């Protein structure tokens, strides 16, 4: 279960080299009763420092930083805090960078042009354990799922029951546990049980590995 659900507020760190962008995002997020910005940074080193001290549930990261590329920061975050969710909010064209961000470990990508309208949807989707991509980029990646072939070496999907495979597919499409339960007409705990079985049968360590595996399998990344 995401850490955010265990506390009153989901704690969020903003990483962007433009102070006005951070200010605007903080204003929007802090207006929500369940969200709270707990730290800000303008570069990679500052981000790693504030994440280490503030222990957030989510890092919102731009791809253009003062001292490095945002993808490098995302990889650093995944290496040090694999359970920490990352959402990219960037001015860069989604079609060129979203797939790379997901490969690096991000759980969502939204352009700054869309952020005003959809940032809260994206933030809550990612905090609930899903992934967020625009309809356009999801449609662009979906054809890769056709004929994607076998699972990675050493892992067999044949061990999964039909319902478990169905849940894995919904996880890979970016849906949270609550959303999967709604779509399949199941309760939350039942879907959590399926996720646990998927983890055990595929030999994955934790929920984060289940999510990353499901994304790679679905989109053939």
N, C-alpha and C. Protein backbone atom coordinates (compact mmCIF):
# COMPACT_ATOMS: atom_id res chain seq x y z
N UNK A 1 0.84 -1.19 0.00
CA UNK A 1 0.00 0.00 0.00
C UNK A 1 0.88 1.24 0.00
N UNK A 2 0.54 2.27 -0.80
CA UNK A 2 1.36 3.46 -0.84
C UNK A 2 1.47 4.09 0.53
N UNK A 3 2.65 4.63 0.84
CA UNK A 3 2.86 5.25 2.15
C UNK A 3 1.92 6.41 2.38
N UNK A 4 1.53 7.10 1.30
CA UNK A 4 0.70 8.29 1.44
C UNK A 4 -0.62 7.98 2.13
N UNK A 5 -1.14 6.75 1.95
CA UNK A 5 -2.42 6.40 2.51
C UNK A 5 -2.34 6.19 4.01
N UNK A 6 -1.13 6.12 4.54
CA UNK A 6 -0.96 5.85 5.96
C UNK A 6 -0.79 7.13 6.78
N UNK A 7 -0.82 8.30 6.14
CA UNK A 7 -0.67 9.55 6.86
C UNK A 7 -1.75 10.52 6.42
N UNK A 8 -1.90 11.60 7.18
CA UNK A 8 -2.94 12.57 6.91
C UNK A 8 -2.74 13.26 5.58
N UNK A 9 -1.51 13.65 5.31
CA UNK A 9 -1.19 14.31 4.05
C UNK A 9 -0.16 13.50 3.26
N UNK A 10 -0.32 13.51 1.94
CA UNK A 10 0.74 12.98 1.09
C UNK A 10 1.80 14.07 0.98
N UNK A 11 3.05 13.71 1.28
CA UNK A 11 4.15 14.67 1.29
C UNK A 11 4.84 14.69 -0.07
N UNK A 12 5.02 15.90 -0.61
CA UNK A 12 5.51 16.05 -1.98
C UNK A 12 6.71 16.98 -2.03
N UNK A 13 7.73 16.58 -2.78
CA UNK A 13 8.90 17.42 -3.04
C UNK A 13 8.84 17.90 -4.49
N UNK A 14 9.10 19.19 -4.70
CA UNK A 14 9.11 19.77 -6.04
C UNK A 14 10.54 20.02 -6.49
N UNK A 15 10.89 19.54 -7.69
CA UNK A 15 12.24 19.73 -8.22
C UNK A 15 12.12 20.40 -9.60
N UNK A 16 12.44 21.69 -9.64
CA UNK A 16 12.34 22.47 -10.87
C UNK A 16 13.27 23.67 -10.75
N UNK A 17 13.96 24.02 -11.84
CA UNK A 17 14.91 25.13 -11.74
C UNK A 17 14.27 26.51 -11.91
N UNK A 18 12.94 26.55 -12.05
CA UNK A 18 12.23 27.82 -12.15
C UNK A 18 11.42 28.07 -10.86
N UNK A 19 11.80 29.06 -10.06
CA UNK A 19 11.09 29.34 -8.80
C UNK A 19 9.60 29.60 -9.00
N UNK A 20 9.24 30.29 -10.09
CA UNK A 20 7.82 30.60 -10.31
C UNK A 20 7.01 29.34 -10.59
N UNK A 21 7.62 28.36 -11.26
CA UNK A 21 6.93 27.09 -11.51
C UNK A 21 6.71 26.36 -10.19
N UNK A 22 7.75 26.31 -9.36
CA UNK A 22 7.59 25.65 -8.05
C UNK A 22 6.52 26.35 -7.22
N UNK A 23 6.53 27.68 -7.26
CA UNK A 23 5.56 28.44 -6.48
C UNK A 23 4.13 28.14 -6.92
N UNK A 24 3.93 28.09 -8.24
CA UNK A 24 2.59 27.81 -8.77
C UNK A 24 2.14 26.39 -8.42
N UNK A 25 3.03 25.42 -8.58
CA UNK A 25 2.69 24.04 -8.25
C UNK A 25 2.39 23.90 -6.76
N UNK A 26 3.22 24.52 -5.92
CA UNK A 26 3.01 24.44 -4.47
C UNK A 26 1.67 25.04 -4.09
N UNK A 27 1.32 26.15 -4.72
CA UNK A 27 0.04 26.79 -4.42
C UNK A 27 -1.13 25.87 -4.75
N UNK A 28 -1.06 25.22 -5.92
CA UNK A 28 -2.14 24.31 -6.33
C UNK A 28 -2.23 23.10 -5.42
N UNK A 29 -1.08 22.52 -5.07
CA UNK A 29 -1.07 21.29 -4.27
C UNK A 29 -1.46 21.55 -2.82
N UNK A 30 -0.95 22.63 -2.25
CA UNK A 30 -1.23 22.93 -0.84
C UNK A 30 -2.68 23.33 -0.60
N UNK A 31 -3.38 23.65 -1.66
CA UNK A 31 -4.79 23.99 -1.55
C UNK A 31 -5.63 22.75 -1.25
N UNK A 32 -5.08 21.57 -1.57
CA UNK A 32 -5.81 20.31 -1.37
C UNK A 32 -5.63 19.81 0.06
N UNK A 33 -6.70 19.33 0.71
CA UNK A 33 -6.61 18.90 2.11
C UNK A 33 -5.74 17.68 2.34
N UNK A 34 -5.51 16.87 1.29
CA UNK A 34 -4.75 15.63 1.46
C UNK A 34 -3.34 15.70 0.89
N UNK A 35 -2.93 16.88 0.41
CA UNK A 35 -1.61 17.03 -0.19
C UNK A 35 -0.83 18.14 0.49
N UNK A 36 0.49 17.96 0.60
CA UNK A 36 1.32 18.99 1.22
C UNK A 36 2.72 18.98 0.63
N UNK A 37 3.18 20.13 0.15
CA UNK A 37 4.55 20.25 -0.34
C UNK A 37 5.47 20.38 0.86
N UNK A 38 6.43 19.47 0.97
CA UNK A 38 7.30 19.43 2.15
C UNK A 38 8.73 19.84 1.83
N UNK A 39 9.03 20.14 0.56
CA UNK A 39 10.38 20.55 0.21
C UNK A 39 10.50 20.91 -1.26
N UNK A 40 11.51 21.71 -1.57
CA UNK A 40 11.74 22.13 -2.95
C UNK A 40 13.24 22.10 -3.25
N UNK A 41 13.56 21.94 -4.53
CA UNK A 41 14.96 21.97 -4.96
C UNK A 41 15.02 22.42 -6.41
N UNK A 42 16.18 22.97 -6.82
CA UNK A 42 16.34 23.44 -8.19
C UNK A 42 17.35 22.62 -8.97
N UNK A 43 18.05 21.69 -8.28
CA UNK A 43 19.05 20.88 -8.97
C UNK A 43 19.12 19.49 -8.36
N UNK A 44 19.94 18.64 -8.97
CA UNK A 44 20.02 17.23 -8.56
C UNK A 44 20.49 17.07 -7.13
N UNK A 45 21.59 17.71 -6.77
CA UNK A 45 22.11 17.55 -5.42
C UNK A 45 21.15 18.08 -4.37
N UNK A 46 20.54 19.22 -4.66
CA UNK A 46 19.55 19.76 -3.74
C UNK A 46 18.36 18.83 -3.57
N UNK A 47 17.95 18.21 -4.69
CA UNK A 47 16.82 17.27 -4.65
C UNK A 47 17.14 16.06 -3.78
N UNK A 48 18.32 15.48 -3.98
CA UNK A 48 18.69 14.30 -3.20
C UNK A 48 18.77 14.64 -1.71
N UNK A 49 19.24 15.83 -1.41
CA UNK A 49 19.35 16.25 -0.01
C UNK A 49 17.98 16.44 0.62
N UNK A 50 17.08 17.13 -0.08
CA UNK A 50 15.77 17.41 0.51
C UNK A 50 14.93 16.13 0.60
N UNK A 51 15.11 15.22 -0.34
CA UNK A 51 14.39 13.94 -0.27
C UNK A 51 14.88 13.13 0.94
N UNK A 52 16.18 13.13 1.16
CA UNK A 52 16.74 12.38 2.29
C UNK A 52 16.23 12.91 3.62
N UNK A 53 16.04 14.22 3.73
CA UNK A 53 15.63 14.81 5.01
C UNK A 53 14.12 14.84 5.20
N UNK A 54 13.38 15.05 4.11
CA UNK A 54 11.92 15.22 4.26
C UNK A 54 11.13 13.94 4.07
N UNK A 55 11.74 12.91 3.48
CA UNK A 55 11.10 11.60 3.29
C UNK A 55 9.69 11.73 2.68
N UNK A 56 9.61 12.24 1.45
CA UNK A 56 8.30 12.45 0.82
C UNK A 56 7.69 11.16 0.30
N UNK A 57 6.41 11.26 -0.09
CA UNK A 57 5.70 10.17 -0.74
C UNK A 57 5.82 10.27 -2.25
N UNK A 58 6.09 11.49 -2.74
CA UNK A 58 6.13 11.74 -4.17
C UNK A 58 7.14 12.84 -4.48
N UNK A 59 7.90 12.66 -5.56
CA UNK A 59 8.77 13.72 -6.07
C UNK A 59 8.26 14.12 -7.45
N UNK A 60 7.99 15.42 -7.61
CA UNK A 60 7.60 15.96 -8.92
C UNK A 60 8.86 16.57 -9.53
N UNK A 61 9.28 16.05 -10.67
CA UNK A 61 10.60 16.38 -11.22
C UNK A 61 10.48 16.93 -12.64
N UNK A 62 11.19 18.02 -12.91
CA UNK A 62 11.33 18.52 -14.27
C UNK A 62 12.53 17.83 -14.91
N UNK A 63 12.55 17.76 -16.23
CA UNK A 63 13.67 17.11 -16.91
C UNK A 63 14.86 18.05 -17.10
N UNK A 64 14.62 19.36 -17.06
CA UNK A 64 15.69 20.33 -17.23
C UNK A 64 16.06 20.91 -15.87
N UNK A 65 17.23 20.54 -15.36
CA UNK A 65 17.69 21.03 -14.06
C UNK A 65 19.00 21.78 -14.24
N UNK A 66 19.40 22.52 -13.22
CA UNK A 66 20.58 23.37 -13.34
C UNK A 66 21.87 22.58 -13.52
N UNK A 67 21.97 21.44 -12.88
CA UNK A 67 23.25 20.72 -12.89
C UNK A 67 23.23 19.38 -13.59
N UNK A 68 22.07 18.95 -14.08
CA UNK A 68 22.01 17.64 -14.74
C UNK A 68 20.67 17.48 -15.42
N UNK A 69 20.51 16.35 -16.10
CA UNK A 69 19.23 16.02 -16.73
C UNK A 69 18.34 15.33 -15.69
N UNK A 70 17.05 15.60 -15.76
CA UNK A 70 16.12 15.00 -14.82
C UNK A 70 16.11 13.49 -14.84
N UNK A 71 16.41 12.89 -15.99
CA UNK A 71 16.43 11.43 -16.07
C UNK A 71 17.51 10.85 -15.14
N UNK A 72 18.64 11.55 -15.03
CA UNK A 72 19.69 11.09 -14.12
C UNK A 72 19.21 11.14 -12.67
N UNK A 73 18.48 12.19 -12.34
CA UNK A 73 17.94 12.30 -10.99
C UNK A 73 16.94 11.18 -10.71
N UNK A 74 16.08 10.89 -11.69
CA UNK A 74 15.09 9.82 -11.51
C UNK A 74 15.80 8.48 -11.25
N UNK A 75 16.86 8.22 -11.99
CA UNK A 75 17.62 6.98 -11.79
C UNK A 75 18.26 6.95 -10.40
N UNK A 76 18.77 8.10 -9.96
CA UNK A 76 19.34 8.18 -8.61
C UNK A 76 18.27 7.88 -7.55
N UNK A 77 17.11 8.46 -7.74
CA UNK A 77 16.01 8.25 -6.78
C UNK A 77 15.64 6.78 -6.73
N UNK A 78 15.52 6.16 -7.90
CA UNK A 78 15.15 4.74 -7.93
C UNK A 78 16.21 3.87 -7.27
N UNK A 79 17.47 4.25 -7.40
CA UNK A 79 18.55 3.47 -6.77
C UNK A 79 18.54 3.62 -5.26
N UNK A 80 18.24 4.82 -4.76
CA UNK A 80 18.31 5.08 -3.32
C UNK A 80 16.98 4.85 -2.61
N UNK A 81 15.89 5.22 -3.25
CA UNK A 81 14.56 5.10 -2.63
C UNK A 81 13.59 4.49 -3.64
N UNK A 82 13.70 3.19 -3.89
CA UNK A 82 12.90 2.56 -4.94
C UNK A 82 11.39 2.66 -4.73
N UNK A 83 10.94 2.86 -3.50
CA UNK A 83 9.51 2.96 -3.25
C UNK A 83 8.97 4.37 -3.47
N UNK A 84 9.85 5.35 -3.66
CA UNK A 84 9.41 6.74 -3.83
C UNK A 84 8.85 6.94 -5.24
N UNK A 85 7.62 7.41 -5.30
CA UNK A 85 6.98 7.67 -6.59
C UNK A 85 7.54 8.95 -7.21
N UNK A 86 7.70 8.94 -8.53
CA UNK A 86 8.20 10.11 -9.25
C UNK A 86 7.22 10.45 -10.38
N UNK A 87 6.83 11.71 -10.44
CA UNK A 87 5.99 12.22 -11.53
C UNK A 87 6.77 13.31 -12.25
N UNK A 88 6.94 13.17 -13.56
CA UNK A 88 7.63 14.18 -14.35
C UNK A 88 6.63 15.24 -14.81
N UNK A 89 6.94 16.49 -14.55
CA UNK A 89 6.17 17.62 -15.08
C UNK A 89 7.16 18.46 -15.86
N UNK A 90 7.04 18.48 -17.18
CA UNK A 90 8.09 19.05 -18.01
C UNK A 90 7.54 19.82 -19.20
N UNK A 91 8.33 20.77 -19.68
CA UNK A 91 7.97 21.51 -20.89
C UNK A 91 8.32 20.72 -22.14
N UNK A 92 9.12 19.66 -21.99
CA UNK A 92 9.55 18.87 -23.16
C UNK A 92 8.40 18.07 -23.75
N UNK A 93 8.45 17.88 -25.05
CA UNK A 93 7.39 17.16 -25.75
C UNK A 93 7.27 15.73 -25.22
N UNK A 94 6.04 15.39 -24.86
CA UNK A 94 5.79 14.09 -24.24
C UNK A 94 6.18 12.93 -25.14
N UNK A 95 5.90 13.05 -26.43
CA UNK A 95 6.15 11.93 -27.34
C UNK A 95 7.63 11.56 -27.40
N UNK A 96 8.52 12.50 -27.10
CA UNK A 96 9.95 12.23 -27.16
C UNK A 96 10.53 11.76 -25.82
N UNK A 97 9.89 12.12 -24.73
CA UNK A 97 10.53 11.90 -23.43
C UNK A 97 9.76 11.01 -22.45
N UNK A 98 8.46 10.83 -22.66
CA UNK A 98 7.67 10.08 -21.68
C UNK A 98 8.15 8.65 -21.52
N UNK A 99 8.39 7.97 -22.63
CA UNK A 99 8.83 6.57 -22.56
C UNK A 99 10.16 6.46 -21.83
N UNK A 100 11.09 7.39 -22.11
CA UNK A 100 12.39 7.36 -21.43
C UNK A 100 12.24 7.60 -19.94
N UNK A 101 11.32 8.49 -19.57
CA UNK A 101 11.10 8.76 -18.16
C UNK A 101 10.54 7.53 -17.44
N UNK A 102 9.62 6.83 -18.08
CA UNK A 102 9.06 5.61 -17.50
C UNK A 102 10.14 4.54 -17.39
N UNK A 103 10.98 4.43 -18.40
CA UNK A 103 12.09 3.47 -18.35
C UNK A 103 13.01 3.77 -17.17
N UNK A 104 13.23 5.06 -16.92
CA UNK A 104 14.14 5.46 -15.84
C UNK A 104 13.55 5.19 -14.47
N UNK A 105 12.23 5.04 -14.39
CA UNK A 105 11.60 4.74 -13.11
C UNK A 105 10.47 5.65 -12.72
N UNK A 106 10.16 6.66 -13.53
CA UNK A 106 9.04 7.55 -13.23
C UNK A 106 7.72 6.78 -13.35
N UNK A 107 6.71 7.26 -12.64
CA UNK A 107 5.41 6.60 -12.71
C UNK A 107 4.38 7.47 -13.44
N UNK A 108 4.84 8.57 -14.00
CA UNK A 108 3.92 9.40 -14.75
C UNK A 108 4.65 10.52 -15.46
N UNK A 109 3.99 11.08 -16.48
CA UNK A 109 4.58 12.18 -17.25
C UNK A 109 3.45 13.10 -17.66
N UNK A 110 3.61 14.40 -17.38
CA UNK A 110 2.61 15.38 -17.76
C UNK A 110 3.34 16.64 -18.21
N UNK A 111 2.89 17.24 -19.29
CA UNK A 111 3.53 18.47 -19.75
C UNK A 111 3.06 19.64 -18.90
N UNK A 112 3.89 20.69 -18.87
CA UNK A 112 3.52 21.87 -18.09
C UNK A 112 2.28 22.55 -18.67
N UNK A 113 2.05 22.37 -19.97
CA UNK A 113 0.85 22.94 -20.57
C UNK A 113 -0.41 22.28 -20.03
N UNK A 114 -0.32 20.99 -19.74
CA UNK A 114 -1.47 20.24 -19.21
C UNK A 114 -1.58 20.33 -17.70
N UNK A 115 -0.49 20.69 -17.04
CA UNK A 115 -0.42 20.57 -15.59
C UNK A 115 -1.49 21.36 -14.87
N UNK A 116 -1.82 22.54 -15.36
CA UNK A 116 -2.82 23.36 -14.69
C UNK A 116 -4.15 22.63 -14.58
N UNK A 117 -4.50 21.88 -15.63
CA UNK A 117 -5.79 21.20 -15.64
C UNK A 117 -5.74 19.81 -15.02
N UNK A 118 -4.60 19.14 -15.13
CA UNK A 118 -4.60 17.71 -14.80
C UNK A 118 -3.59 17.30 -13.74
N UNK A 119 -2.90 18.25 -13.12
CA UNK A 119 -1.87 17.88 -12.15
C UNK A 119 -2.43 17.10 -10.98
N UNK A 120 -3.61 17.48 -10.48
CA UNK A 120 -4.16 16.78 -9.32
C UNK A 120 -4.54 15.35 -9.67
N UNK A 121 -5.09 15.15 -10.87
CA UNK A 121 -5.41 13.80 -11.32
C UNK A 121 -4.15 12.96 -11.43
N UNK A 122 -3.10 13.55 -12.03
CA UNK A 122 -1.84 12.82 -12.19
C UNK A 122 -1.21 12.49 -10.85
N UNK A 123 -1.19 13.45 -9.94
CA UNK A 123 -0.59 13.25 -8.61
C UNK A 123 -1.31 12.14 -7.86
N UNK A 124 -2.63 12.18 -7.85
CA UNK A 124 -3.37 11.17 -7.09
C UNK A 124 -3.27 9.80 -7.73
N UNK A 125 -3.24 9.75 -9.06
CA UNK A 125 -3.07 8.45 -9.74
C UNK A 125 -1.75 7.82 -9.33
N UNK A 126 -0.68 8.59 -9.35
CA UNK A 126 0.64 8.07 -9.03
C UNK A 126 0.74 7.70 -7.56
N UNK A 127 0.19 8.52 -6.67
CA UNK A 127 0.23 8.23 -5.24
C UNK A 127 -0.54 6.96 -4.90
N UNK A 128 -1.55 6.63 -5.68
CA UNK A 128 -2.34 5.43 -5.43
C UNK A 128 -1.69 4.17 -6.00
N UNK A 129 -0.52 4.34 -6.62
CA UNK A 129 0.19 3.17 -7.13
C UNK A 129 0.05 2.93 -8.61
N UNK A 130 -0.66 3.84 -9.32
CA UNK A 130 -0.81 3.70 -10.75
C UNK A 130 0.25 4.50 -11.50
N UNK A 131 0.07 4.61 -12.81
CA UNK A 131 0.93 5.47 -13.61
C UNK A 131 0.04 6.44 -14.36
N UNK A 132 0.59 7.60 -14.70
CA UNK A 132 -0.19 8.59 -15.43
C UNK A 132 0.52 8.94 -16.73
N UNK A 133 -0.20 8.73 -17.83
CA UNK A 133 0.25 9.17 -19.15
C UNK A 133 -0.96 9.77 -19.85
N UNK A 134 -0.74 10.73 -20.72
CA UNK A 134 -1.86 11.29 -21.47
C UNK A 134 -2.44 10.22 -22.39
N UNK A 135 -3.66 10.43 -22.83
CA UNK A 135 -4.29 9.48 -23.75
C UNK A 135 -3.45 9.33 -25.02
N UNK A 136 -2.87 10.44 -25.46
CA UNK A 136 -2.10 10.42 -26.71
C UNK A 136 -0.86 9.54 -26.59
N UNK A 137 -0.11 9.69 -25.51
CA UNK A 137 1.12 8.90 -25.37
C UNK A 137 0.79 7.45 -25.06
N UNK A 138 -0.30 7.20 -24.31
CA UNK A 138 -0.71 5.83 -24.05
C UNK A 138 -1.06 5.12 -25.35
N UNK A 139 -1.74 5.85 -26.26
CA UNK A 139 -2.10 5.28 -27.56
C UNK A 139 -0.84 5.02 -28.39
N UNK A 140 0.16 5.89 -28.25
CA UNK A 140 1.41 5.72 -28.99
C UNK A 140 2.18 4.50 -28.53
N UNK A 141 2.14 4.24 -27.22
CA UNK A 141 2.89 3.11 -26.68
C UNK A 141 2.13 1.80 -26.81
N UNK A 142 0.80 1.87 -26.86
CA UNK A 142 -0.02 0.66 -26.85
C UNK A 142 0.32 -0.32 -27.96
N UNK A 143 0.58 0.13 -29.20
CA UNK A 143 0.90 -0.86 -30.25
C UNK A 143 2.09 -1.73 -29.92
N UNK A 144 2.99 -1.25 -29.07
CA UNK A 144 4.15 -2.05 -28.70
C UNK A 144 3.74 -3.27 -27.89
N UNK A 145 2.56 -3.18 -27.26
CA UNK A 145 2.10 -4.30 -26.45
C UNK A 145 1.63 -5.46 -27.33
N UNK A 146 1.29 -5.16 -28.60
CA UNK A 146 0.82 -6.20 -29.50
C UNK A 146 2.01 -7.04 -29.96
N UNK A 147 1.92 -8.34 -29.78
CA UNK A 147 3.01 -9.22 -30.18
C UNK A 147 4.26 -9.01 -29.37
N UNK A 148 4.07 -8.63 -28.09
CA UNK A 148 5.24 -8.32 -27.28
C UNK A 148 6.06 -9.55 -26.93
N UNK A 149 5.47 -10.74 -27.14
CA UNK A 149 6.26 -11.95 -26.93
C UNK A 149 6.29 -12.38 -25.48
N UNK A 150 7.31 -13.14 -25.15
CA UNK A 150 7.41 -13.74 -23.83
C UNK A 150 7.85 -12.73 -22.79
N UNK A 151 7.66 -13.13 -21.54
CA UNK A 151 8.14 -12.33 -20.43
C UNK A 151 9.65 -12.42 -20.39
N UNK A 152 10.32 -11.57 -19.59
CA UNK A 152 11.77 -11.63 -19.46
C UNK A 152 12.26 -13.02 -19.06
N UNK A 153 13.49 -13.30 -19.41
CA UNK A 153 14.06 -14.62 -19.15
C UNK A 153 13.92 -15.00 -17.68
N UNK A 154 13.53 -16.24 -17.43
CA UNK A 154 13.44 -16.72 -16.07
C UNK A 154 12.10 -16.47 -15.41
N UNK A 155 11.20 -15.74 -16.11
CA UNK A 155 9.88 -15.43 -15.54
C UNK A 155 8.82 -15.96 -16.48
N UNK A 156 7.86 -16.70 -15.96
CA UNK A 156 6.81 -17.25 -16.79
C UNK A 156 5.45 -16.79 -16.31
N UNK A 157 4.69 -16.18 -17.22
CA UNK A 157 3.34 -15.74 -16.89
C UNK A 157 2.35 -16.90 -16.85
N UNK A 158 2.80 -18.07 -17.27
CA UNK A 158 1.91 -19.23 -17.27
C UNK A 158 1.48 -19.61 -15.86
N UNK A 159 2.26 -19.19 -14.87
CA UNK A 159 1.92 -19.53 -13.48
C UNK A 159 0.78 -18.68 -12.94
N UNK A 160 0.44 -17.60 -13.65
CA UNK A 160 -0.62 -16.72 -13.17
C UNK A 160 -1.99 -17.25 -13.56
N UNK A 161 -2.93 -17.16 -12.62
CA UNK A 161 -4.31 -17.50 -12.93
C UNK A 161 -4.89 -16.41 -13.84
N UNK A 162 -6.02 -16.69 -14.47
CA UNK A 162 -6.60 -15.74 -15.42
C UNK A 162 -6.84 -14.38 -14.78
N UNK A 163 -7.40 -14.39 -13.58
CA UNK A 163 -7.71 -13.12 -12.91
C UNK A 163 -6.43 -12.38 -12.53
N UNK A 164 -5.40 -13.12 -12.15
CA UNK A 164 -4.12 -12.49 -11.81
C UNK A 164 -3.49 -11.84 -13.03
N UNK A 165 -3.59 -12.51 -14.18
CA UNK A 165 -3.06 -11.93 -15.41
C UNK A 165 -3.84 -10.68 -15.80
N UNK A 166 -5.15 -10.72 -15.57
CA UNK A 166 -5.99 -9.55 -15.87
C UNK A 166 -5.59 -8.37 -14.98
N UNK A 167 -5.36 -8.64 -13.70
CA UNK A 167 -4.93 -7.58 -12.78
C UNK A 167 -3.57 -7.03 -13.21
N UNK A 168 -2.65 -7.93 -13.60
CA UNK A 168 -1.33 -7.48 -14.06
C UNK A 168 -1.46 -6.54 -15.27
N UNK A 169 -2.37 -6.86 -16.17
CA UNK A 169 -2.58 -6.02 -17.34
C UNK A 169 -3.06 -4.62 -16.94
N UNK A 170 -3.99 -4.56 -15.99
CA UNK A 170 -4.50 -3.26 -15.54
C UNK A 170 -3.41 -2.48 -14.81
N UNK A 171 -2.58 -3.17 -14.05
CA UNK A 171 -1.45 -2.49 -13.39
C UNK A 171 -0.53 -1.88 -14.44
N UNK A 172 -0.23 -2.66 -15.48
CA UNK A 172 0.64 -2.19 -16.54
C UNK A 172 0.06 -1.02 -17.32
N UNK A 173 -1.25 -0.90 -17.34
CA UNK A 173 -1.90 0.22 -18.04
C UNK A 173 -1.98 1.46 -17.16
N UNK A 174 -1.50 1.33 -15.91
CA UNK A 174 -1.39 2.50 -15.06
C UNK A 174 -2.49 2.68 -14.04
N UNK A 175 -3.35 1.68 -13.86
CA UNK A 175 -4.46 1.84 -12.93
C UNK A 175 -4.05 1.47 -11.50
N UNK A 176 -4.57 2.24 -10.55
CA UNK A 176 -4.28 1.98 -9.14
C UNK A 176 -5.13 0.82 -8.64
N UNK A 177 -4.83 0.35 -7.44
CA UNK A 177 -5.59 -0.76 -6.86
C UNK A 177 -7.07 -0.42 -6.75
N UNK A 178 -7.37 0.79 -6.30
CA UNK A 178 -8.77 1.22 -6.17
C UNK A 178 -9.46 1.20 -7.54
N UNK A 179 -8.79 1.69 -8.56
CA UNK A 179 -9.38 1.75 -9.90
C UNK A 179 -9.58 0.35 -10.48
N UNK A 180 -8.63 -0.53 -10.24
CA UNK A 180 -8.76 -1.91 -10.73
C UNK A 180 -9.95 -2.59 -10.05
N UNK A 181 -10.06 -2.40 -8.74
CA UNK A 181 -11.18 -2.98 -8.00
C UNK A 181 -12.52 -2.51 -8.55
N UNK A 182 -12.59 -1.22 -8.87
CA UNK A 182 -13.82 -0.65 -9.43
C UNK A 182 -14.15 -1.26 -10.77
N UNK A 183 -13.15 -1.37 -11.64
CA UNK A 183 -13.37 -1.87 -13.00
C UNK A 183 -13.74 -3.35 -13.01
N UNK A 184 -13.16 -4.11 -12.08
CA UNK A 184 -13.40 -5.55 -12.07
C UNK A 184 -14.53 -5.96 -11.13
N UNK A 185 -15.10 -4.99 -10.43
CA UNK A 185 -16.19 -5.30 -9.50
C UNK A 185 -15.73 -6.09 -8.29
N UNK A 186 -14.49 -5.82 -7.84
CA UNK A 186 -13.93 -6.51 -6.69
C UNK A 186 -13.69 -5.51 -5.56
N UNK A 187 -13.48 -6.01 -4.34
CA UNK A 187 -13.13 -5.07 -3.29
C UNK A 187 -11.62 -4.86 -3.26
N UNK A 188 -11.21 -3.80 -2.58
CA UNK A 188 -9.81 -3.39 -2.56
C UNK A 188 -8.89 -4.52 -2.06
N UNK A 189 -9.29 -5.19 -0.98
CA UNK A 189 -8.44 -6.22 -0.38
C UNK A 189 -8.26 -7.41 -1.32
N UNK A 190 -9.29 -7.72 -2.11
CA UNK A 190 -9.17 -8.83 -3.06
C UNK A 190 -8.12 -8.51 -4.12
N UNK A 191 -8.13 -7.28 -4.62
CA UNK A 191 -7.13 -6.89 -5.62
C UNK A 191 -5.74 -6.88 -4.99
N UNK A 192 -5.63 -6.44 -3.75
CA UNK A 192 -4.35 -6.48 -3.04
C UNK A 192 -3.84 -7.91 -2.94
N UNK A 193 -4.75 -8.85 -2.69
CA UNK A 193 -4.38 -10.26 -2.61
C UNK A 193 -3.85 -10.75 -3.96
N UNK A 194 -4.52 -10.38 -5.05
CA UNK A 194 -4.05 -10.75 -6.38
C UNK A 194 -2.66 -10.18 -6.64
N UNK A 195 -2.44 -8.92 -6.24
CA UNK A 195 -1.14 -8.30 -6.44
C UNK A 195 -0.05 -9.05 -5.68
N UNK A 196 -0.38 -9.48 -4.46
CA UNK A 196 0.58 -10.23 -3.65
C UNK A 196 0.91 -11.57 -4.31
N UNK A 197 -0.10 -12.22 -4.86
CA UNK A 197 0.13 -13.51 -5.53
C UNK A 197 0.98 -13.32 -6.79
N UNK A 198 0.71 -12.25 -7.54
CA UNK A 198 1.51 -11.95 -8.73
C UNK A 198 2.97 -11.76 -8.34
N UNK A 199 3.19 -11.00 -7.28
CA UNK A 199 4.56 -10.74 -6.79
C UNK A 199 5.26 -12.06 -6.46
N UNK A 200 4.59 -12.91 -5.73
CA UNK A 200 5.21 -14.17 -5.31
C UNK A 200 5.46 -15.10 -6.50
N UNK A 201 4.48 -15.21 -7.39
CA UNK A 201 4.61 -16.14 -8.51
C UNK A 201 5.68 -15.71 -9.52
N UNK A 202 5.87 -14.38 -9.64
CA UNK A 202 6.86 -13.89 -10.59
C UNK A 202 8.22 -13.65 -9.94
N UNK A 203 8.30 -13.93 -8.62
CA UNK A 203 9.57 -13.79 -7.94
C UNK A 203 10.04 -12.35 -7.81
N UNK A 204 9.09 -11.43 -7.66
CA UNK A 204 9.42 -10.01 -7.52
C UNK A 204 9.49 -9.64 -6.03
N UNK A 205 10.29 -8.60 -5.71
CA UNK A 205 10.56 -8.30 -4.31
C UNK A 205 9.44 -7.55 -3.61
N UNK A 206 8.82 -6.60 -4.31
CA UNK A 206 7.84 -5.75 -3.64
C UNK A 206 6.87 -5.16 -4.66
N UNK A 207 5.95 -4.31 -4.16
CA UNK A 207 4.93 -3.73 -5.03
C UNK A 207 5.53 -2.85 -6.11
N UNK A 208 6.64 -2.20 -5.80
CA UNK A 208 7.30 -1.35 -6.79
C UNK A 208 7.81 -2.20 -7.96
N UNK A 209 8.40 -3.34 -7.68
CA UNK A 209 8.88 -4.21 -8.75
C UNK A 209 7.72 -4.76 -9.58
N UNK A 210 6.59 -5.03 -8.92
CA UNK A 210 5.40 -5.48 -9.65
C UNK A 210 4.97 -4.41 -10.64
N UNK A 211 4.93 -3.15 -10.17
CA UNK A 211 4.52 -2.05 -11.04
C UNK A 211 5.47 -1.89 -12.22
N UNK A 212 6.78 -1.87 -11.96
CA UNK A 212 7.74 -1.69 -13.03
C UNK A 212 7.70 -2.86 -14.02
N UNK A 213 7.56 -4.08 -13.51
CA UNK A 213 7.46 -5.25 -14.39
C UNK A 213 6.22 -5.14 -15.27
N UNK A 214 5.08 -4.77 -14.65
CA UNK A 214 3.82 -4.69 -15.39
C UNK A 214 3.90 -3.64 -16.49
N UNK A 215 4.52 -2.50 -16.21
CA UNK A 215 4.67 -1.44 -17.20
C UNK A 215 5.53 -1.94 -18.37
N UNK A 216 6.68 -2.54 -18.04
CA UNK A 216 7.56 -3.02 -19.10
C UNK A 216 6.90 -4.10 -19.94
N UNK A 217 6.17 -4.99 -19.27
CA UNK A 217 5.50 -6.08 -20.00
C UNK A 217 4.40 -5.53 -20.90
N UNK A 218 3.60 -4.62 -20.36
CA UNK A 218 2.47 -4.11 -21.15
C UNK A 218 2.93 -3.31 -22.35
N UNK A 219 3.92 -2.45 -22.15
CA UNK A 219 4.37 -1.58 -23.23
C UNK A 219 5.59 -2.11 -23.97
N UNK A 220 6.05 -3.30 -23.53
CA UNK A 220 7.22 -3.91 -24.16
C UNK A 220 8.43 -2.96 -24.13
N UNK A 221 8.65 -2.33 -22.98
CA UNK A 221 9.76 -1.39 -22.85
C UNK A 221 11.07 -2.13 -22.61
